[in-house]
Protein backbone atom coordinates (compact mmCIF):
# COMPACT_ATOMS: atom_id res chain seq x y z
CA MET A 1 92.85 61.63 -130.41
CA ALA A 2 94.52 64.96 -131.67
CA LEU A 3 96.07 63.54 -134.43
CA GLU A 4 92.83 63.05 -136.23
CA ILE A 5 93.36 66.74 -137.39
CA ALA A 6 95.22 66.78 -140.42
CA ARG A 7 97.57 69.88 -139.50
CA LEU A 8 98.57 67.68 -136.35
CA ARG A 9 99.28 64.52 -138.62
CA ARG A 10 101.39 66.86 -140.81
CA GLU A 11 103.30 68.08 -137.74
CA ALA A 12 103.86 64.32 -136.71
CA ARG A 13 105.23 63.36 -139.93
CA THR A 14 107.58 66.42 -139.92
CA LEU A 15 108.62 65.73 -136.28
CA THR A 16 109.12 62.09 -137.25
CA ALA A 17 111.31 63.17 -140.49
CA MET A 18 113.36 65.41 -138.54
CA ILE A 19 114.19 62.92 -135.68
CA GLU A 20 115.02 60.31 -138.45
CA ILE A 21 117.30 62.71 -140.28
CA ALA A 22 119.19 63.87 -137.01
CA CYS A 23 119.30 60.45 -135.70
CA HIS A 24 120.98 58.98 -138.80
CA GLY A 25 123.30 62.06 -139.07
CA MET A 26 124.14 62.43 -135.38
CA HIS A 27 124.23 58.63 -134.02
CA GLY A 28 124.78 56.70 -137.29
CA THR A 29 121.60 54.62 -137.41
CA ALA A 30 120.28 53.11 -140.44
CA LYS A 31 117.90 55.14 -142.75
CA GLY A 32 114.49 54.66 -141.18
CA GLN A 33 115.57 53.44 -137.91
CA LEU A 34 116.27 55.26 -134.51
CA CYS A 35 118.39 54.69 -131.57
CA PRO A 36 116.73 54.33 -128.35
CA SER A 37 117.35 57.97 -127.26
CA CYS A 38 115.54 59.16 -130.54
CA GLN A 39 112.96 56.63 -130.36
CA ALA A 40 112.11 57.97 -126.87
CA LEU A 41 112.37 61.54 -127.93
CA LEU A 42 109.88 60.91 -130.82
CA GLU A 43 107.42 59.11 -128.57
CA TYR A 44 107.51 61.94 -126.01
CA ALA A 45 107.14 64.60 -128.90
CA LEU A 46 104.23 62.57 -130.36
CA ALA A 47 102.47 62.44 -126.76
CA ARG A 48 102.82 66.21 -126.34
CA LEU A 49 101.46 66.86 -129.72
CA ASP A 50 98.52 64.77 -129.24
CA LYS A 51 97.68 66.66 -125.98
CA CYS A 52 98.26 70.02 -127.68
CA PRO A 53 95.67 72.63 -126.35
CA PHE A 54 95.66 74.46 -129.65
CA GLN A 55 94.70 71.52 -131.51
CA GLU A 56 94.28 72.76 -135.34
CA ALA A 57 95.50 76.50 -134.47
CA LYS A 58 98.69 74.95 -133.24
CA PRO A 59 101.64 77.22 -134.07
CA THR A 60 105.16 75.74 -135.05
CA CYS A 61 106.88 74.84 -131.42
CA ALA A 62 109.21 77.89 -131.94
CA LYS A 63 106.31 80.31 -131.74
CA CYS A 64 104.06 78.45 -129.37
CA PRO A 65 103.29 80.70 -126.05
CA ILE A 66 103.29 77.37 -124.00
CA HIS A 67 106.33 75.50 -123.43
CA CYS A 68 104.94 71.88 -123.08
CA TYR A 69 108.33 70.08 -123.16
CA ARG A 70 110.56 69.57 -120.03
CA PRO A 71 113.53 71.49 -120.15
CA ALA A 72 116.02 68.36 -121.12
CA ARG A 73 113.69 67.27 -123.70
CA ARG A 74 113.38 70.95 -124.93
CA GLU A 75 117.32 71.04 -125.45
CA GLN A 76 117.13 67.70 -127.30
CA ILE A 77 114.40 68.77 -129.73
CA ARG A 78 116.16 71.81 -130.25
CA ALA A 79 119.50 69.86 -131.12
CA VAL A 80 117.45 67.82 -133.59
CA MET A 81 115.95 70.81 -135.34
CA ARG A 82 119.16 72.65 -135.42
CA TYR A 83 120.55 69.51 -137.16
CA ALA A 84 117.60 68.65 -139.36
CA GLY A 85 115.93 71.74 -140.23
CA PRO A 86 118.28 72.69 -142.91
CA ARG A 87 118.64 69.26 -144.34
CA MET A 88 114.66 68.97 -144.39
CA LEU A 89 114.72 70.56 -147.65
CA LEU A 90 116.86 67.90 -149.31
CA HIS A 91 115.02 65.00 -147.65
CA HIS A 92 111.48 66.29 -147.55
CA PRO A 93 111.19 69.42 -149.39
CA ILE A 94 107.17 69.68 -149.19
CA LEU A 95 107.16 68.95 -145.13
CA ALA A 96 109.83 71.54 -144.89
CA LEU A 97 108.36 74.32 -146.87
CA VAL A 98 104.67 73.70 -145.18
CA HIS A 99 106.44 73.60 -141.89
CA LEU A 100 108.15 77.26 -143.04
CA TRP A 101 104.85 78.32 -144.02
CA ASP A 102 103.31 77.10 -140.76
CA GLY A 103 105.93 79.18 -138.90
CA LEU A 104 104.42 82.67 -140.53
CA ARG A 105 101.26 82.17 -138.43
CA LYS A 106 100.56 84.37 -135.67
CA PRO A 107 100.50 82.42 -132.57
CA PRO A 108 97.29 81.91 -130.63
CA ARG A 109 96.70 83.65 -127.35
CA PRO A 110 96.82 81.11 -124.63
CA ARG A 111 93.54 80.62 -122.41
CA ARG A 112 93.62 81.86 -118.89
């Protein structure tokens, strides 16, 4: 299981936090709870993260050379990140800063 790697566990925590923030703000759910749509998106995103071919060398999704999300899911996660990204500094400052730091990494070259 890929989520045994610390880098990917942190990425999973970041994804979960962002989706929770967006769901609470956009759909009015209680803190720590997700609507069915956001729960499905989180499960999908965690499954994609678990199967990431880059593992510990994984860049942030915005800089990844491989687009592993289906187009509809990609639009959903973009909307979540647009909403939750600026709010992450208030709710989860350490995760936000580490995510920004990870974004400075050069993306790996995809295998052929």
